[in-house]
């Protein structure tokens, strides 16, 4: 059977020759595996993750633009993968099938899907990136933040922590906008109305979500000048060990990858550099999903090959999960990649000063700070 005809539900890996025989632990998004005794489990884990790649023959972006993102869309696809990981938090089962298909529909390559290549590319124009231009990790993080404002289905809050600083008060104000952060609380008047529809990809029991919007935290970082500073390597590894980890988007010259874990000194990643035909939903809105799951052993690269411009992602479905993340970050050993503070330092721009609509005005400052990220990557030829 041709590999392209295998479905996610029936896929089984045969050989595992491409993965190291090592006693060192394998970490994939907060889960620890033994490469000697849990090979099948590792492969099943990798297969369960959404895999977004280059596509061809989709409707022209903007009506007259490109019909394929081959050569320029790899970081956009990595952005889709890190966000998709937040939406899919457990393995697919028959009971969850309807919700799973709804998530896939949010990424289908057409203009009216929440997080399609069309939406990301066109929203990127507001970040100074013409359609068809390569993105850096910071740019795609900013675009996802903008698009999430219009996503009333999943209820996600996407926060991009700038200046290497995560401000706890700022995040709690975003995830609990109807509460007084400084104080206490009790029942917030009108909470039910403010919540909107609780049915969605991130919906939990009402009592668990009533006071918290699920958080996708993206932290653009620069871990060196032209190469990654080795002092950050152990800290970066520990990020993959956190249960809230969404992984890292970044890469190396000529390509972007979605990093989901590590083994020894190698990073494990999903590679978007495969061009597949665009997928059309069926008449009943079902989505053929066999090409949205990686069908081979995971790719690996030495951690020292990683370009220093990255964005780390974390997902906190509840306030308790965010508080737990804060506690774990404070216990991370090694050189901190970012600072975690309770309240906003005086030198930082207040979140209230940032407009969260598609025309918010901090993009120039962000591009000046991270402008070099795009210069260090080459666009693949079409």
Protein backbone atom coordinates (compact mmCIF):
# COMPACT_ATOMS: atom_id res chain seq x y z
CA UNK A 1 0.00 0.00 0.00
CA UNK A 2 1.28 3.45 -0.88
CA UNK A 3 2.20 5.43 2.25
CA UNK A 4 -0.01 8.30 1.15
CA UNK A 5 -3.09 6.08 1.39
CA UNK A 6 -2.48 5.08 4.99
CA UNK A 7 -4.87 6.68 7.45
CA UNK A 8 -4.02 8.05 10.86
CA UNK A 9 -6.39 5.61 12.56
CA UNK A 10 -4.86 2.52 10.94
CA UNK A 11 -1.22 3.58 10.66
CA UNK A 12 1.35 1.29 12.26
CA UNK A 13 5.08 1.82 12.11
CA UNK A 14 7.28 -1.09 11.11
CA UNK A 15 10.97 -0.46 11.50
CA UNK A 16 12.40 1.97 14.03
CA UNK A 17 15.93 2.12 12.70
CA UNK A 18 16.02 5.89 12.51
CA UNK A 19 15.71 6.39 16.27
CA UNK A 20 18.72 5.97 18.57
CA UNK A 21 19.12 2.92 20.76
CA UNK A 22 19.88 4.80 23.96
CA UNK A 23 19.16 4.58 27.65
CA UNK A 24 18.80 8.36 27.83
CA UNK A 25 15.23 9.54 28.41
CA UNK A 26 13.14 10.75 25.49
CA UNK A 27 10.98 13.77 26.28
CA UNK A 28 8.05 14.77 24.05
CA UNK A 29 5.88 17.67 25.23
CA UNK A 30 5.94 16.83 28.91
CA UNK A 31 5.96 13.04 28.55
CA UNK A 32 8.99 10.86 29.28
CA UNK A 33 9.72 7.69 27.30
CA UNK A 34 12.36 4.96 27.27
CA UNK A 35 13.76 4.50 23.76
CA UNK A 36 14.74 0.91 24.54
CA UNK A 37 11.38 -0.32 25.78
CA UNK A 38 8.77 2.20 24.53
CA UNK A 39 9.49 2.62 20.83
CA UNK A 40 5.90 2.00 19.78
CA UNK A 41 4.65 4.51 22.32
CA UNK A 42 7.08 7.15 21.07
CA UNK A 43 5.98 6.64 17.48
CA UNK A 44 2.31 6.70 18.42
CA UNK A 45 2.88 9.96 20.30
CA UNK A 46 4.54 11.58 17.29
CA UNK A 47 1.81 10.32 14.97
CA UNK A 48 -0.91 11.77 17.18
CA UNK A 49 0.40 15.31 16.71
CA UNK A 50 -1.06 17.46 13.95
CA UNK A 51 1.43 17.77 11.09
CA UNK A 52 0.96 20.75 8.80
CA UNK A 53 3.08 20.88 5.68
CA UNK A 54 3.39 22.78 2.44
CA UNK A 55 0.30 22.41 0.25
CA UNK A 56 -0.37 23.04 -3.41
CA UNK A 57 -3.45 23.76 -5.54
CA UNK A 58 -5.39 25.59 -2.86
CA UNK A 59 -7.54 28.66 -3.73
CA UNK A 60 -5.36 31.71 -4.50
CA UNK A 61 -4.48 33.68 -1.39
CA UNK A 62 -6.22 37.03 -1.59
CA UNK A 63 -8.02 35.92 -4.74
CA UNK A 64 -5.05 36.44 -7.06
CA UNK A 65 -2.08 35.35 -4.94
CA UNK A 66 -0.14 32.10 -4.66
CA UNK A 67 -1.85 28.71 -4.80
CA UNK A 68 1.01 26.98 -2.96
CA UNK A 69 3.19 27.91 0.00
CA UNK A 70 6.12 25.74 -1.06
CA UNK A 71 9.36 27.60 -0.38
CA UNK A 72 7.99 30.30 1.90
CA UNK A 73 5.33 28.90 4.23
CA UNK A 74 7.31 26.59 6.51
CA UNK A 75 7.24 28.91 9.54
CA UNK A 76 3.55 29.59 8.97
CA UNK A 77 2.95 25.84 9.04
CA UNK A 78 4.98 25.57 12.24
CA UNK A 79 2.74 28.24 13.74
CA UNK A 80 -0.28 26.16 12.76
CA UNK A 81 1.26 23.10 14.43
CA UNK A 82 1.98 24.78 17.75
CA UNK A 83 -1.53 26.22 17.87
CA UNK A 84 -3.06 22.94 16.75
CA UNK A 85 -1.29 21.21 19.62
CA UNK A 86 -3.11 23.51 22.04
CA UNK A 87 -6.47 22.66 20.48
CA UNK A 88 -5.86 18.91 20.53
CA UNK A 89 -4.92 17.98 24.05
CA UNK A 90 -5.76 14.26 24.04
CA UNK A 91 -5.66 11.34 21.58
CA UNK A 92 -8.48 11.10 19.07
CA UNK A 93 -11.34 8.74 19.93
CA UNK A 94 -14.69 8.12 18.32
CA UNK A 95 -16.37 10.26 20.97
CA UNK A 96 -14.09 13.16 20.16
CA UNK A 97 -14.26 12.74 16.40
CA UNK A 98 -16.65 15.63 15.78
CA UNK A 99 -14.51 18.03 17.78
CA UNK A 100 -11.36 16.75 16.07
CA UNK A 101 -12.84 17.38 12.61
CA UNK A 102 -13.83 20.89 13.70
CA UNK A 103 -10.21 21.54 14.68
CA UNK A 104 -8.94 20.32 11.31
CA UNK A 105 -11.47 22.57 9.57
CA UNK A 106 -9.94 25.55 11.39
CA UNK A 107 -6.70 24.94 9.46
CA UNK A 108 -8.02 23.90 6.03
CA UNK A 109 -6.38 25.91 3.21
CA UNK A 110 -9.22 28.26 2.39
CA UNK A 111 -9.88 31.89 3.18
CA UNK A 112 -12.68 31.41 5.72
CA UNK A 113 -10.89 28.96 8.03
CA UNK A 114 -9.79 30.55 11.31
CA UNK A 115 -6.09 29.66 11.04
CA UNK A 116 -5.63 28.82 7.35
CA UNK A 117 -2.51 29.71 5.40
CA UNK A 118 -4.71 32.35 3.75
CA UNK A 119 -5.58 34.02 7.05
CA UNK A 120 -2.03 33.88 8.39
CA UNK A 121 -0.48 35.23 5.18
CA UNK A 122 -2.98 38.06 4.82
CA UNK A 123 -2.78 39.02 8.50
CA UNK A 124 0.99 39.07 8.13
CA UNK A 125 0.71 41.97 5.73
CA UNK A 126 -0.15 44.09 8.77
CA UNK A 127 3.14 42.95 10.29
CA UNK A 128 5.05 44.24 7.25
CA UNK A 129 5.34 40.83 5.58
CA UNK A 130 4.09 40.70 1.98
CA UNK A 131 2.29 37.51 0.98
CA UNK A 132 4.89 34.94 -0.02
CA UNK A 133 7.66 36.30 2.22
CA UNK A 134 9.38 34.13 4.82
CA UNK A 135 8.34 34.68 8.45
CA UNK A 136 10.45 34.51 11.56
CA UNK A 137 9.12 32.96 14.79
CA UNK A 138 8.21 36.30 16.35
CA UNK A 139 6.18 37.38 13.33
CA UNK A 140 4.10 34.22 13.23
CA UNK A 141 3.50 34.49 16.99
CA UNK A 142 2.15 38.02 16.54
CA UNK A 143 -0.09 36.92 13.68
CA UNK A 144 -1.55 34.04 15.68
CA UNK A 145 -2.27 36.48 18.50
CA UNK A 146 -4.20 38.70 16.08
CA UNK A 147 -6.17 35.85 14.54
CA UNK A 148 -7.20 34.46 17.93
CA UNK A 149 -9.11 37.68 18.61
CA UNK A 150 -11.61 36.62 15.95
CA UNK A 151 -11.83 32.99 17.13
CA UNK A 152 -14.91 32.80 19.32
CA UNK A 153 -15.18 29.02 18.93
CA UNK A 154 -12.14 27.78 20.87
CA UNK A 155 -12.11 30.59 23.47
CA UNK A 156 -8.31 30.66 23.35
CA UNK A 157 -6.30 33.63 24.55
CA UNK A 158 -2.99 33.90 22.70
CA UNK A 159 -0.46 36.02 24.57
CA UNK A 160 2.96 36.93 23.17
CA UNK A 161 5.41 37.79 25.96
CA UNK A 162 7.88 40.36 24.71
CA UNK A 163 11.23 41.62 25.98
CA UNK A 164 12.07 38.17 27.41
CA UNK A 165 9.59 38.85 30.22
CA UNK A 166 6.42 37.01 31.28
CA UNK A 167 4.23 39.19 33.50
CA UNK A 168 1.86 37.15 35.66
CA UNK A 169 -0.53 40.04 36.36
CA UNK A 170 -0.77 40.81 32.64
CA UNK A 171 -1.69 37.24 31.75
CA UNK A 172 -4.29 36.91 34.49
CA UNK A 173 -5.90 40.14 33.30
CA UNK A 174 -6.13 38.68 29.79
CA UNK A 175 -7.44 35.28 30.85
CA UNK A 176 -9.83 36.69 33.47
CA UNK A 177 -10.85 40.05 32.00
CA UNK A 178 -14.00 40.24 34.10
CA UNK A 179 -12.18 40.04 37.43
CA UNK A 180 -10.23 42.58 39.42
CA UNK A 181 -6.70 41.16 39.30
CA UNK A 182 -5.67 43.06 42.40
CA UNK A 183 -8.37 41.67 44.46
CA UNK A 184 -10.55 39.12 45.17
CA UNK A 185 -13.30 37.95 44.04
CA UNK A 186 -16.23 35.87 44.79
CA UNK A 187 -18.73 35.51 42.00
CA UNK A 188 -18.06 37.91 39.15
CA UNK A 189 -21.28 39.55 38.10
CA UNK A 190 -22.29 38.59 34.59
CA UNK A 191 -19.67 35.85 34.21
CA UNK A 192 -22.03 33.59 32.30
CA UNK A 193 -22.74 36.26 29.72
CA UNK A 194 -19.08 37.15 29.33
CA UNK A 195 -18.06 33.55 28.82
CA UNK A 196 -20.10 33.20 25.68
CA UNK A 197 -20.42 29.68 24.34
CA UNK A 198 -18.59 27.10 26.41
CA UNK A 199 -18.73 24.53 23.63
CA UNK A 200 -15.47 24.44 21.73
CA UNK A 201 -12.11 22.82 21.38
CA UNK A 202 -10.98 23.95 24.81
CA UNK A 203 -14.27 23.62 26.65
CA UNK A 204 -14.21 21.92 30.04
CA UNK A 205 -16.83 21.68 32.71
CA UNK A 206 -18.36 25.09 33.27
CA UNK A 207 -17.10 25.35 36.83
CA UNK A 208 -13.52 24.80 35.62
CA UNK A 209 -13.59 27.40 32.85
CA UNK A 210 -15.96 30.07 34.15
CA UNK A 211 -13.15 32.25 35.44
CA UNK A 212 -10.35 31.45 33.00
CA UNK A 213 -9.92 31.55 29.24
CA UNK A 214 -7.48 28.84 28.03
CA UNK A 215 -4.05 30.39 27.49
CA UNK A 216 -1.57 29.86 24.68
CA UNK A 217 1.62 31.58 25.84
CA UNK A 218 4.20 32.26 23.12
CA UNK A 219 7.59 33.64 24.13
CA UNK A 220 9.84 34.89 21.29
CA UNK A 221 13.46 34.52 22.35
CA UNK A 222 16.93 35.11 21.01
CA UNK A 223 19.35 32.65 22.60
CA UNK A 224 22.54 33.96 21.04
CA UNK A 225 23.85 36.03 18.15
CA UNK A 226 24.54 33.82 15.14
CA UNK A 227 24.58 30.55 17.09
CA UNK A 228 22.73 29.34 20.16
CA UNK A 229 24.54 30.12 23.40
CA UNK A 230 25.34 26.74 24.90
CA UNK A 231 24.52 28.12 28.36
CA UNK A 232 20.82 27.97 27.37
CA UNK A 233 20.79 24.37 26.15
CA UNK A 234 19.90 22.67 29.43
CA UNK A 235 17.24 25.29 30.15
CA UNK A 236 15.71 24.76 26.71
CA UNK A 237 15.62 21.01 27.27
CA UNK A 238 13.75 21.46 30.53
CA UNK A 239 11.01 23.38 28.70
CA UNK A 240 10.11 20.18 26.83
CA UNK A 241 9.74 18.41 30.18
CA UNK A 242 6.99 20.71 31.44
CA UNK A 243 3.44 19.29 31.21
CA UNK A 244 2.28 22.63 29.79
CA UNK A 245 4.82 22.53 26.93
CA UNK A 246 3.64 23.22 23.38
CA UNK A 247 7.17 22.91 22.05
CA UNK A 248 9.25 25.41 20.12
CA UNK A 249 9.05 26.92 16.65
CA UNK A 250 12.34 27.86 15.05
CA UNK A 251 14.84 26.11 12.85
CA UNK A 252 18.12 26.47 11.08
CA UNK A 253 19.23 28.30 7.93
CA UNK A 254 16.88 27.50 5.03
CA UNK A 255 14.16 25.82 7.04
CA UNK A 256 11.76 26.10 9.97
CA UNK A 257 10.68 23.20 12.16
CA UNK A 258 8.27 22.46 14.98
CA UNK A 259 10.32 21.03 17.85
CA UNK A 260 8.39 18.74 20.17
CA UNK A 261 11.09 17.20 22.35
CA UNK A 262 14.61 15.92 22.71
CA UNK A 263 16.75 12.86 23.31
CA UNK A 264 20.33 13.31 24.47
CA UNK A 265 21.74 16.26 22.53
CA UNK A 266 19.24 15.98 19.68
CA UNK A 267 15.98 17.85 19.22
CA UNK A 268 12.96 15.94 17.93
CA UNK A 269 10.84 17.81 15.41
CA UNK A 270 8.08 17.70 12.84
CA UNK A 271 9.20 18.93 9.43
CA UNK A 272 6.78 20.93 7.24
CA UNK A 273 8.96 20.64 4.12
CA UNK A 274 6.76 18.17 2.27
CA UNK A 275 4.42 19.47 -0.43
CA UNK A 276 1.05 17.72 -0.43
CA UNK A 277 -2.13 18.45 -2.37
CA UNK A 278 -4.62 20.71 -0.64
CA UNK A 279 -7.39 18.84 1.16
CA UNK A 280 -11.04 19.45 0.37
CA UNK A 281 -13.61 18.70 3.07
CA UNK A 282 -16.24 16.14 2.12
CA UNK A 283 -19.87 17.11 1.58
CA UNK A 284 -20.66 16.12 5.15
CA UNK A 285 -17.82 18.42 6.39
CA UNK A 286 -15.64 15.44 7.26
CA UNK A 287 -11.93 16.02 6.56
CA UNK A 288 -9.68 13.26 5.21
CA UNK A 289 -6.98 13.33 7.86
CA UNK A 290 -4.35 10.85 6.66
CA UNK A 291 -2.01 13.63 5.47
CA UNK A 292 -2.29 15.59 8.71
CA UNK A 293 -0.27 13.09 10.76
CA UNK A 294 3.40 12.31 10.23
CA UNK A 295 3.78 8.76 8.90
CA UNK A 296 7.48 8.18 9.55
CA UNK A 297 9.80 8.18 12.58
CA UNK A 298 10.45 11.66 13.95
CA UNK A 299 13.20 13.88 12.53
CA UNK A 300 16.13 14.88 14.72
CA UNK A 301 18.88 17.49 14.67
CA UNK A 302 21.70 18.38 17.05
CA UNK A 303 20.62 21.11 19.41
CA UNK A 304 23.69 23.23 18.57
CA UNK A 305 22.41 23.54 14.97
CA UNK A 306 19.34 25.42 16.18
CA UNK A 307 19.15 29.04 15.08
CA UNK A 308 19.04 31.28 18.17
CA UNK A 309 15.74 32.95 17.16
CA UNK A 310 12.90 30.81 18.48
CA UNK A 311 9.49 31.06 20.07
CA UNK A 312 8.65 28.74 22.96
CA UNK A 313 5.02 27.82 23.54
CA UNK A 314 3.01 26.74 26.59
CA UNK A 315 -0.66 25.90 27.10
CA UNK A 316 -2.53 26.47 30.37
CA UNK A 317 -6.15 25.33 30.20
CA UNK A 318 -6.95 26.52 33.74
CA UNK A 319 -5.65 29.03 36.25
CA UNK A 320 -4.29 26.16 38.34
CA UNK A 321 -2.27 24.96 35.37
CA UNK A 322 -0.84 28.45 34.88
CA UNK A 323 0.07 28.74 38.57
CA UNK A 324 1.71 25.32 38.34
CA UNK A 325 3.65 26.47 35.25
CA UNK A 326 4.91 29.53 37.13
CA UNK A 327 6.07 27.35 40.01
CA UNK A 328 7.89 24.97 37.65
CA UNK A 329 9.55 27.81 35.71
CA UNK A 330 10.95 29.24 38.94
CA UNK A 331 12.48 25.83 39.67
CA UNK A 332 14.13 25.41 36.27
CA UNK A 333 17.87 24.95 36.62
CA UNK A 334 20.43 26.79 34.52
CA UNK A 335 20.56 30.16 32.79
CA UNK A 336 16.99 31.52 32.48
CA UNK A 337 15.80 32.09 28.91
CA UNK A 338 13.25 34.64 30.11
CA UNK A 339 12.19 36.45 33.26
CA UNK A 340 9.00 35.67 35.19
CA UNK A 341 7.69 38.62 37.21
CA UNK A 342 4.54 39.26 39.24
CA UNK A 343 3.77 42.72 37.91
CA UNK A 344 4.82 44.83 34.99
CA UNK A 345 8.29 46.44 35.20
CA UNK A 346 8.23 50.19 34.76
CA UNK A 347 10.24 50.05 31.52
CA UNK A 348 7.69 47.86 29.72
CA UNK A 349 4.71 49.04 27.70
CA UNK A 350 1.45 48.28 29.49
CA UNK A 351 -0.77 45.66 27.91
CA UNK A 352 -3.59 48.20 28.09
CA UNK A 353 -1.64 50.38 25.67
CA UNK A 354 -1.60 47.63 23.07
CA UNK A 355 -4.60 47.44 20.76
CA UNK A 356 -5.56 43.78 20.34
CA UNK A 357 -7.45 44.39 17.09
CA UNK A 358 -5.78 43.60 13.75
CA UNK A 359 -4.30 47.10 13.63
CA UNK A 360 -2.56 47.11 17.01
CA UNK A 361 0.42 49.44 16.92
CA UNK A 362 3.33 47.61 18.50
CA UNK A 363 4.44 45.81 15.34
CA UNK A 364 7.11 48.38 14.41
CA UNK A 365 8.78 48.04 17.81
CA UNK A 366 8.63 44.28 17.60
CA UNK A 367 10.10 44.18 14.09
CA UNK A 368 12.98 46.48 15.09
CA UNK A 369 13.79 44.23 18.03
CA UNK A 370 13.57 40.97 16.12
CA UNK A 371 14.33 42.14 12.59
CA UNK A 372 17.51 40.08 12.33
CA UNK A 373 15.59 36.83 12.72
CA UNK A 374 14.44 36.91 9.11
CA UNK A 375 17.81 37.90 7.71
CA UNK A 376 19.42 34.75 9.04
CA UNK A 377 17.14 32.45 7.09
CA UNK A 378 17.11 32.02 3.34
CA UNK A 379 13.89 31.55 1.39
CA UNK A 380 13.75 28.19 -0.33
CA UNK A 381 13.54 28.47 -4.08
CA UNK A 382 10.16 27.67 -5.64
